[in-house]
PDB file of all heavy atoms in Angstrom:
ATOM      1  N   PHE A   1      76.178  40.872 -15.337  1.00  0.00           N
ATOM      2  CA  PHE A   1      75.862  40.345 -16.645  1.00  0.00           C
ATOM      3  C   PHE A   1      75.649  41.534 -17.670  1.00  0.00           C
ATOM      4  O   PHE A   1      75.706  42.793 -17.199  1.00  0.00           O
ATOM      5  CB  PHE A   1      74.478  39.624 -16.553  1.00  0.00           C
ATOM      6  CG  PHE A   1      74.554  38.516 -15.679  1.00  0.00           C
ATOM      7  CD1 PHE A   1      73.788  38.592 -14.461  1.00  0.00           C
ATOM      8  CD2 PHE A   1      75.113  37.288 -15.953  1.00  0.00           C
ATOM      9  CE1 PHE A   1      73.866  37.531 -13.586  1.00  0.00           C
ATOM     10  CE2 PHE A   1      75.212  36.146 -15.016  1.00  0.00           C
ATOM     11  CZ  PHE A   1      74.517  36.360 -13.885  1.00  0.00           C
ATOM     12  N   ALA A   2      75.477  41.285 -18.911  1.00  0.00           N
ATOM     13  CA  ALA A   2      75.228  42.281 -19.886  1.00  0.00           C
ATOM     14  C   ALA A   2      74.015  42.939 -19.421  1.00  0.00           C
ATOM     15  O   ALA A   2      73.069  42.428 -18.837  1.00  0.00           O
ATOM     16  CB  ALA A   2      75.076  41.642 -21.295  1.00  0.00           C
ATOM     17  N   HIS A   3      73.812  44.258 -19.879  1.00  0.00           N
ATOM     18  CA  HIS A   3      72.633  45.078 -19.467  1.00  0.00           C
ATOM     19  C   HIS A   3      71.404  44.360 -19.857  1.00  0.00           C
ATOM     20  O   HIS A   3      70.471  44.413 -19.035  1.00  0.00           O
ATOM     21  CB  HIS A   3      72.801  46.340 -20.207  1.00  0.00           C
ATOM     22  CG  HIS A   3      71.692  47.384 -19.885  1.00  0.00           C
ATOM     23  ND1 HIS A   3      71.517  47.876 -18.594  1.00  0.00           N
ATOM     24  CD2 HIS A   3      70.704  47.859 -20.663  1.00  0.00           C
ATOM     25  CE1 HIS A   3      70.474  48.731 -18.654  1.00  0.00           C
ATOM     26  NE2 HIS A   3      69.988  48.737 -19.855  1.00  0.00           N
ATOM     27  N   ASP A   4      71.253  43.798 -21.069  1.00  0.00           N
ATOM     28  CA  ASP A   4      70.010  43.218 -21.476  1.00  0.00           C
ATOM     29  C   ASP A   4      69.588  41.998 -20.658  1.00  0.00           C
ATOM     30  O   ASP A   4      68.388  41.782 -20.422  1.00  0.00           O
ATOM     31  CB  ASP A   4      69.905  42.969 -22.927  1.00  0.00           C
ATOM     32  CG  ASP A   4      71.019  42.092 -23.450  1.00  0.00           C
ATOM     33  OD1 ASP A   4      72.139  42.055 -22.825  1.00  0.00           O
ATOM     34  OD2 ASP A   4      70.791  41.326 -24.453  1.00  0.00           O
ATOM     35  N   THR A   5      70.730  41.333 -20.255  1.00  0.00           N
ATOM     36  CA  THR A   5      70.395  40.152 -19.371  1.00  0.00           C
ATOM     37  C   THR A   5      69.843  40.507 -18.051  1.00  0.00           C
ATOM     38  O   THR A   5      68.877  39.934 -17.493  1.00  0.00           O
ATOM     39  CB  THR A   5      71.720  39.339 -19.176  1.00  0.00           C
ATOM     40  OG1 THR A   5      72.177  38.821 -20.486  1.00  0.00           O
ATOM     41  CG2 THR A   5      71.581  38.151 -18.231  1.00  0.00           C
ATOM     42  N   GLU A   6      70.424  41.551 -17.421  1.00  0.00           N
ATOM     43  CA  GLU A   6      70.007  41.975 -16.127  1.00  0.00           C
ATOM     44  C   GLU A   6      68.528  42.532 -16.281  1.00  0.00           C
ATOM     45  O   GLU A   6      67.678  42.271 -15.372  1.00  0.00           O
ATOM     46  CB  GLU A   6      70.924  43.062 -15.607  1.00  0.00           C
ATOM     47  CG  GLU A   6      72.221  42.494 -15.174  1.00  0.00           C
ATOM     48  CD  GLU A   6      73.208  43.478 -14.459  1.00  0.00           C
ATOM     49  OE1 GLU A   6      72.833  44.697 -14.225  1.00  0.00           O
ATOM     50  OE2 GLU A   6      74.324  43.153 -14.243  1.00  0.00           O
ATOM     51  N   LEU A   7      68.263  43.265 -17.315  1.00  0.00           N
ATOM     52  CA  LEU A   7      66.882  43.793 -17.528  1.00  0.00           C
ATOM     53  C   LEU A   7      65.819  42.600 -17.681  1.00  0.00           C
ATOM     54  O   LEU A   7      64.794  42.612 -17.138  1.00  0.00           O
ATOM     55  CB  LEU A   7      66.857  44.641 -18.746  1.00  0.00           C
ATOM     56  CG  LEU A   7      67.540  46.111 -18.573  1.00  0.00           C
ATOM     57  CD1 LEU A   7      67.414  46.806 -19.930  1.00  0.00           C
ATOM     58  CD2 LEU A   7      66.818  46.845 -17.491  1.00  0.00           C
ATOM     59  N   ALA A   8      66.293  41.642 -18.477  1.00  0.00           N
ATOM     60  CA  ALA A   8      65.268  40.465 -18.687  1.00  0.00           C
ATOM     61  C   ALA A   8      65.207  39.708 -17.390  1.00  0.00           C
ATOM     62  O   ALA A   8      63.975  39.164 -17.119  1.00  0.00           O
ATOM     63  CB  ALA A   8      65.911  39.597 -19.754  1.00  0.00           C
ATOM     64  N   LEU A   9      66.234  39.465 -16.640  1.00  0.00           N
ATOM     65  CA  LEU A   9      66.107  38.772 -15.302  1.00  0.00           C
ATOM     66  C   LEU A   9      65.198  39.554 -14.352  1.00  0.00           C
ATOM     67  O   LEU A   9      64.302  38.901 -13.760  1.00  0.00           O
ATOM     68  CB  LEU A   9      67.490  38.547 -14.704  1.00  0.00           C
ATOM     69  CG  LEU A   9      68.335  37.582 -15.303  1.00  0.00           C
ATOM     70  CD1 LEU A   9      69.840  37.625 -14.715  1.00  0.00           C
ATOM     71  CD2 LEU A   9      67.806  36.106 -15.196  1.00  0.00           C
ATOM     72  N   ALA A  10      65.366  40.810 -14.271  1.00  0.00           N
ATOM     73  CA  ALA A  10      64.532  41.705 -13.383  1.00  0.00           C
ATOM     74  C   ALA A  10      63.100  41.646 -13.917  1.00  0.00           C
ATOM     75  O   ALA A  10      62.183  41.633 -13.033  1.00  0.00           O
ATOM     76  CB  ALA A  10      65.170  43.080 -13.435  1.00  0.00           C
ATOM     77  N   ALA A  11      62.878  41.731 -15.191  1.00  0.00           N
ATOM     78  CA  ALA A  11      61.467  41.683 -15.696  1.00  0.00           C
ATOM     79  C   ALA A  11      60.912  40.296 -15.490  1.00  0.00           C
ATOM     80  O   ALA A  11      59.754  40.349 -15.052  1.00  0.00           O
ATOM     81  CB  ALA A  11      61.463  41.957 -17.176  1.00  0.00           C
ATOM     82  N   ALA A  12      61.583  39.180 -15.566  1.00  0.00           N
ATOM     83  CA  ALA A  12      61.011  37.990 -15.356  1.00  0.00           C
ATOM     84  C   ALA A  12      60.617  37.750 -13.821  1.00  0.00           C
ATOM     85  O   ALA A  12      59.703  37.197 -13.550  1.00  0.00           O
ATOM     86  CB  ALA A  12      62.089  36.833 -15.786  1.00  0.00           C
ATOM     87  N   ALA A  13      61.685  38.218 -12.988  1.00  0.00           N
ATOM     88  CA  ALA A  13      61.356  38.204 -11.621  1.00  0.00           C
ATOM     89  C   ALA A  13      60.107  39.123 -11.198  1.00  0.00           C
ATOM     90  O   ALA A  13      59.228  38.549 -10.432  1.00  0.00           O
ATOM     91  CB  ALA A  13      62.593  38.630 -10.833  1.00  0.00           C
ATOM     92  N   ALA A  14      59.983  40.146 -11.797  1.00  0.00           N
ATOM     93  CA  ALA A  14      58.901  41.062 -11.472  1.00  0.00           C
ATOM     94  C   ALA A  14      57.634  40.496 -11.915  1.00  0.00           C
ATOM     95  O   ALA A  14      56.486  40.478 -11.341  1.00  0.00           O
ATOM     96  CB  ALA A  14      58.987  42.447 -12.210  1.00  0.00           C
ATOM     97  N   LEU A  15      57.598  39.807 -13.170  1.00  0.00           N
ATOM     98  CA  LEU A  15      56.387  39.061 -13.626  1.00  0.00           C
ATOM     99  C   LEU A  15      56.034  37.877 -12.664  1.00  0.00           C
ATOM    100  O   LEU A  15      54.850  37.786 -12.376  1.00  0.00           O
ATOM    101  CB  LEU A  15      56.646  38.564 -15.049  1.00  0.00           C
ATOM    102  CG  LEU A  15      55.555  37.778 -15.711  1.00  0.00           C
ATOM    103  CD1 LEU A  15      54.160  38.696 -15.660  1.00  0.00           C
ATOM    104  CD2 LEU A  15      55.774  37.288 -17.032  1.00  0.00           C
ATOM    105  N   VAL A  16      56.984  37.123 -12.372  1.00  0.00           N
ATOM    106  CA  VAL A  16      56.648  35.985 -11.438  1.00  0.00           C
ATOM    107  C   VAL A  16      56.043  36.535 -10.159  1.00  0.00           C
ATOM    108  O   VAL A  16      55.092  36.001  -9.706  1.00  0.00           O
ATOM    109  CB  VAL A  16      57.933  35.211 -11.176  1.00  0.00           C
ATOM    110  CG1 VAL A  16      57.743  34.234 -10.024  1.00  0.00           C
ATOM    111  CG2 VAL A  16      58.423  34.394 -12.429  1.00  0.00           C
ATOM    112  N   ASN A  17      56.632  37.649  -9.630  1.00  0.00           N
ATOM    113  CA  ASN A  17      56.178  38.156  -8.432  1.00  0.00           C
ATOM    114  C   ASN A  17      54.822  38.911  -8.390  1.00  0.00           C
ATOM    115  O   ASN A  17      54.342  39.272  -7.406  1.00  0.00           O
ATOM    116  CB  ASN A  17      57.270  39.015  -7.771  1.00  0.00           C
ATOM    117  CG  ASN A  17      58.521  38.221  -7.448  1.00  0.00           C
ATOM    118  OD1 ASN A  17      58.433  36.975  -7.193  1.00  0.00           O
ATOM    119  ND2 ASN A  17      59.618  38.967  -7.295  1.00  0.00           N
ATOM    120  N   THR A  18      54.244  39.066  -9.562  1.00  0.00           N
ATOM    121  CA  THR A  18      52.924  39.492  -9.718  1.00  0.00           C
ATOM    122  C   THR A  18      51.865  38.455  -9.303  1.00  0.00           C
ATOM    123  O   THR A  18      50.634  38.726  -9.107  1.00  0.00           O
ATOM    124  CB  THR A  18      52.532  40.111 -11.113  1.00  0.00           C
ATOM    125  OG1 THR A  18      52.525  38.939 -11.938  1.00  0.00           O
ATOM    126  CG2 THR A  18      53.458  41.163 -11.621  1.00  0.00           C
ATOM    127  N   ASP A  19      52.282  37.207  -9.249  1.00  0.00           N
ATOM    128  CA  ASP A  19      51.455  35.957  -9.009  1.00  0.00           C
ATOM    129  C   ASP A  19      51.066  35.951  -7.516  1.00  0.00           C
ATOM    130  O   ASP A  19      51.975  36.166  -6.611  1.00  0.00           O
ATOM    131  CB  ASP A  19      52.126  34.811  -9.335  1.00  0.00           C
ATOM    132  CG  ASP A  19      51.240  33.553  -9.387  1.00  0.00           C
ATOM    133  OD1 ASP A  19      50.150  33.594  -8.813  1.00  0.00           O
ATOM    134  OD2 ASP A  19      51.587  32.581 -10.056  1.00  0.00           O
ATOM    135  N   PRO A  20      49.819  35.860  -7.128  1.00  0.00           N
ATOM    136  CA  PRO A  20      49.386  35.824  -5.845  1.00  0.00           C
ATOM    137  C   PRO A  20      49.976  34.694  -4.948  1.00  0.00           C
ATOM    138  O   PRO A  20      50.226  34.730  -3.789  1.00  0.00           O
ATOM    139  CB  PRO A  20      47.895  35.696  -5.808  1.00  0.00           C
ATOM    140  CG  PRO A  20      47.569  35.074  -7.174  1.00  0.00           C
ATOM    141  CD  PRO A  20      48.649  35.666  -8.014  1.00  0.00           C
ATOM    142  N   GLY A  21      50.512  33.651  -5.638  1.00  0.00           N
ATOM    143  CA  GLY A  21      51.161  32.579  -4.936  1.00  0.00           C
ATOM    144  C   GLY A  21      52.559  32.909  -4.550  1.00  0.00           C
ATOM    145  O   GLY A  21      53.289  32.151  -3.992  1.00  0.00           O
ATOM    146  N   ALA A  22      52.921  34.112  -4.972  1.00  0.00           N
ATOM    147  CA  ALA A  22      54.402  34.507  -4.647  1.00  0.00           C
ATOM    148  C   ALA A  22      54.574  35.246  -3.383  1.00  0.00           C
ATOM    149  O   ALA A  22      55.500  35.928  -3.208  1.00  0.00           O
ATOM    150  CB  ALA A  22      54.740  35.420  -5.800  1.00  0.00           C
ATOM    151  N   GLY A  23      53.588  35.105  -2.494  1.00  0.00           N
ATOM    152  CA  GLY A  23      53.901  35.721  -1.121  1.00  0.00           C
ATOM    153  C   GLY A  23      53.057  36.870  -0.769  1.00  0.00           C
ATOM    154  O   GLY A  23      52.712  37.168   0.324  1.00  0.00           O
ATOM    155  N   SER A  24      52.658  37.674  -1.760  1.00  0.00           N
ATOM    156  CA  SER A  24      52.008  38.889  -1.471  1.00  0.00           C
ATOM    157  C   SER A  24      50.543  38.675  -1.156  1.00  0.00           C
ATOM    158  O   SER A  24      49.852  39.476  -0.549  1.00  0.00           O
ATOM    159  CB  SER A  24      52.115  39.884  -2.619  1.00  0.00           C
ATOM    160  OG  SER A  24      51.356  39.444  -3.811  1.00  0.00           O
ATOM    161  N   GLY A  25      49.954  37.561  -1.651  1.00  0.00           N
ATOM    162  CA  GLY A  25      48.592  37.239  -1.427  1.00  0.00           C
ATOM    163  C   GLY A  25      47.721  38.047  -2.363  1.00  0.00           C
ATOM    164  O   GLY A  25      46.478  37.878  -2.363  1.00  0.00           O
ATOM    165  N   GLU A  26      48.257  38.917  -3.246  1.00  0.00           N
ATOM    166  CA  GLU A  26      47.383  39.760  -4.147  1.00  0.00           C
ATOM    167  C   GLU A  26      48.035  39.682  -5.545  1.00  0.00           C
ATOM    168  O   GLU A  26      49.200  39.902  -5.803  1.00  0.00           O
ATOM    169  CB  GLU A  26      47.445  41.114  -3.580  1.00  0.00           C
ATOM    170  CG  GLU A  26      46.665  42.141  -4.444  1.00  0.00           C
ATOM    171  CD  GLU A  26      46.764  43.544  -3.880  1.00  0.00           C
ATOM    172  OE1 GLU A  26      47.114  43.826  -2.784  1.00  0.00           O
ATOM    173  OE2 GLU A  26      46.515  44.436  -4.750  1.00  0.00           O
ATOM    174  N   ASP A  27      47.060  39.281  -6.476  1.00  0.00           N
ATOM    175  CA  ASP A  27      47.452  39.259  -7.828  1.00  0.00           C
ATOM    176  C   ASP A  27      47.519  40.689  -8.403  1.00  0.00           C
ATOM    177  O   ASP A  27      46.541  41.487  -8.422  1.00  0.00           O
ATOM    178  CB  ASP A  27      46.429  38.525  -8.661  1.00  0.00           C
ATOM    179  CG  ASP A  27      46.808  38.196 -10.065  1.00  0.00           C
ATOM    180  OD1 ASP A  27      47.626  39.032 -10.595  1.00  0.00           O
ATOM    181  OD2 ASP A  27      46.242  37.255 -10.657  1.00  0.00           O
ATOM    182  N   THR A  28      48.657  41.181  -8.837  1.00  0.00           N
ATOM    183  CA  THR A  28      48.853  42.577  -9.267  1.00  0.00           C
ATOM    184  C   THR A  28      48.797  42.596 -10.759  1.00  0.00           C
ATOM    185  O   THR A  28      49.153  43.744 -11.337  1.00  0.00           O
ATOM    186  CB  THR A  28      50.062  43.207  -8.755  1.00  0.00           C
ATOM    187  OG1 THR A  28      51.232  42.356  -9.068  1.00  0.00           O
ATOM    188  CG2 THR A  28      50.108  43.228  -7.234  1.00  0.00           C
ATOM    189  N   LEU A  29      48.465  41.538 -11.469  1.00  0.00           N
ATOM    190  CA  LEU A  29      48.354  41.566 -12.858  1.00  0.00           C
ATOM    191  C   LEU A  29      46.963  40.895 -13.262  1.00  0.00           C
ATOM    192  O   LEU A  29      46.783  39.846 -13.876  1.00  0.00           O
ATOM    193  CB  LEU A  29      49.468  40.693 -13.549  1.00  0.00           C
ATOM    194  CG  LEU A  29      49.782  40.885 -14.995  1.00  0.00           C
ATOM    195  CD1 LEU A  29      50.000  42.246 -15.315  1.00  0.00           C
ATOM    196  CD2 LEU A  29      50.810  39.938 -15.424  1.00  0.00           C
ATOM    197  N   ARG A  30      45.863  41.667 -12.902  1.00  0.00           N
ATOM    198  CA  ARG A  30      44.526  41.166 -13.096  1.00  0.00           C
ATOM    199  C   ARG A  30      43.857  41.728 -14.431  1.00  0.00           C
ATOM    200  O   ARG A  30      43.004  41.065 -14.918  1.00  0.00           O
ATOM    201  CB  ARG A  30      43.645  41.531 -11.896  1.00  0.00           C
ATOM    202  CG  ARG A  30      44.084  40.807 -10.604  1.00  0.00           C
ATOM    203  CD  ARG A  30      43.092  41.128  -9.444  1.00  0.00           C
ATOM    204  NE  ARG A  30      42.756  42.510  -9.447  1.00  0.00           N
ATOM    205  CZ  ARG A  30      43.345  43.422  -8.628  1.00  0.00           C
ATOM    206  NH1 ARG A  30      44.216  43.080  -7.796  1.00  0.00           N
ATOM    207  NH2 ARG A  30      42.924  44.705  -8.673  1.00  0.00           N
ATOM    208  N   THR A  31      44.221  42.882 -14.694  1.00  0.00           N
ATOM    209  CA  THR A  31      43.478  43.654 -15.754  1.00  0.00           C
ATOM    210  C   THR A  31      44.312  43.938 -16.997  1.00  0.00           C
ATOM    211  O   THR A  31      45.606  44.012 -16.754  1.00  0.00           O
ATOM    212  CB  THR A  31      42.743  44.877 -15.359  1.00  0.00           C
ATOM    213  OG1 THR A  31      43.842  45.837 -14.975  1.00  0.00           O
ATOM    214  CG2 THR A  31      41.924  44.643 -14.125  1.00  0.00           C
ATOM    215  N   ARG A  32      43.827  44.360 -18.079  1.00  0.00           N
ATOM    216  CA  ARG A  32      44.608  44.830 -19.274  1.00  0.00           C
ATOM    217  C   ARG A  32      45.391  45.957 -18.797  1.00  0.00           C
ATOM    218  O   ARG A  32      46.497  46.241 -19.211  1.00  0.00           O
ATOM    219  CB  ARG A  32      43.731  44.971 -20.384  1.00  0.00           C
ATOM    220  CG  ARG A  32      43.194  43.681 -20.970  1.00  0.00           C
ATOM    221  CD  ARG A  32      42.358  43.813 -22.133  1.00  0.00           C
ATOM    222  NE  ARG A  32      41.157  44.679 -21.843  1.00  0.00           N
ATOM    223  CZ  ARG A  32      40.085  44.512 -22.425  1.00  0.00           C
ATOM    224  NH1 ARG A  32      39.794  43.763 -23.430  1.00  0.00           N
ATOM    225  NH2 ARG A  32      38.998  45.183 -22.054  1.00  0.00           N
ATOM    226  N   GLU A  33      44.789  46.879 -18.012  1.00  0.00           N
ATOM    227  CA  GLU A  33      45.481  48.073 -17.531  1.00  0.00           C
ATOM    228  C   GLU A  33      46.639  47.760 -16.702  1.00  0.00           C
ATOM    229  O   GLU A  33      47.705  48.359 -16.737  1.00  0.00           O
ATOM    230  CB  GLU A  33      44.438  49.080 -16.872  1.00  0.00           C
ATOM    231  CG  GLU A  33      43.404  49.634 -17.598  1.00  0.00           C
ATOM    232  CD  GLU A  33      42.218  48.676 -17.869  1.00  0.00           C
ATOM    233  OE1 GLU A  33      42.128  47.590 -17.291  1.00  0.00           O
ATOM    234  OE2 GLU A  33      41.539  48.908 -18.958  1.00  0.00           O
ATOM    235  N   ASP A  34      46.493  46.786 -15.835  1.00  0.00           N
ATOM    236  CA  ASP A  34      47.653  46.295 -14.992  1.00  0.00           C
ATOM    237  C   ASP A  34      48.737  45.820 -15.990  1.00  0.00           C
ATOM    238  O   ASP A  34      49.917  46.035 -15.645  1.00  0.00           O
ATOM    239  CB  ASP A  34      47.284  45.104 -14.117  1.00  0.00           C
ATOM    240  CG  ASP A  34      46.241  45.507 -13.009  1.00  0.00           C
ATOM    241  OD1 ASP A  34      46.191  46.661 -12.644  1.00  0.00           O
ATOM    242  OD2 ASP A  34      45.605  44.490 -12.513  1.00  0.00           O
ATOM    243  N   LEU A  35      48.443  45.144 -17.090  1.00  0.00           N
ATOM    244  CA  LEU A  35      49.460  44.639 -17.908  1.00  0.00           C
ATOM    245  C   LEU A  35      50.096  45.840 -18.666  1.00  0.00           C
ATOM    246  O   LEU A  35      51.402  45.829 -18.675  1.00  0.00           O
ATOM    247  CB  LEU A  35      48.844  43.691 -19.022  1.00  0.00           C
ATOM    248  CG  LEU A  35      49.837  43.260 -20.054  1.00  0.00           C
ATOM    249  CD1 LEU A  35      50.951  42.381 -19.465  1.00  0.00           C
ATOM    250  CD2 LEU A  35      48.991  42.288 -21.093  1.00  0.00           C
TER     251      LEU A  35
END
C-alpha cells in the first residue's frame, strides 16, 4: 500500500494491541506517559 496507509495500519494495530484483552494480559497504555 502507499506509505501512509501502511503506517496508519501499523499504528492502528499497535494501538489495538495495547489493550489487555488483546492477549498480553497487560494494558500498556495506562498513563499519560505511556501515551
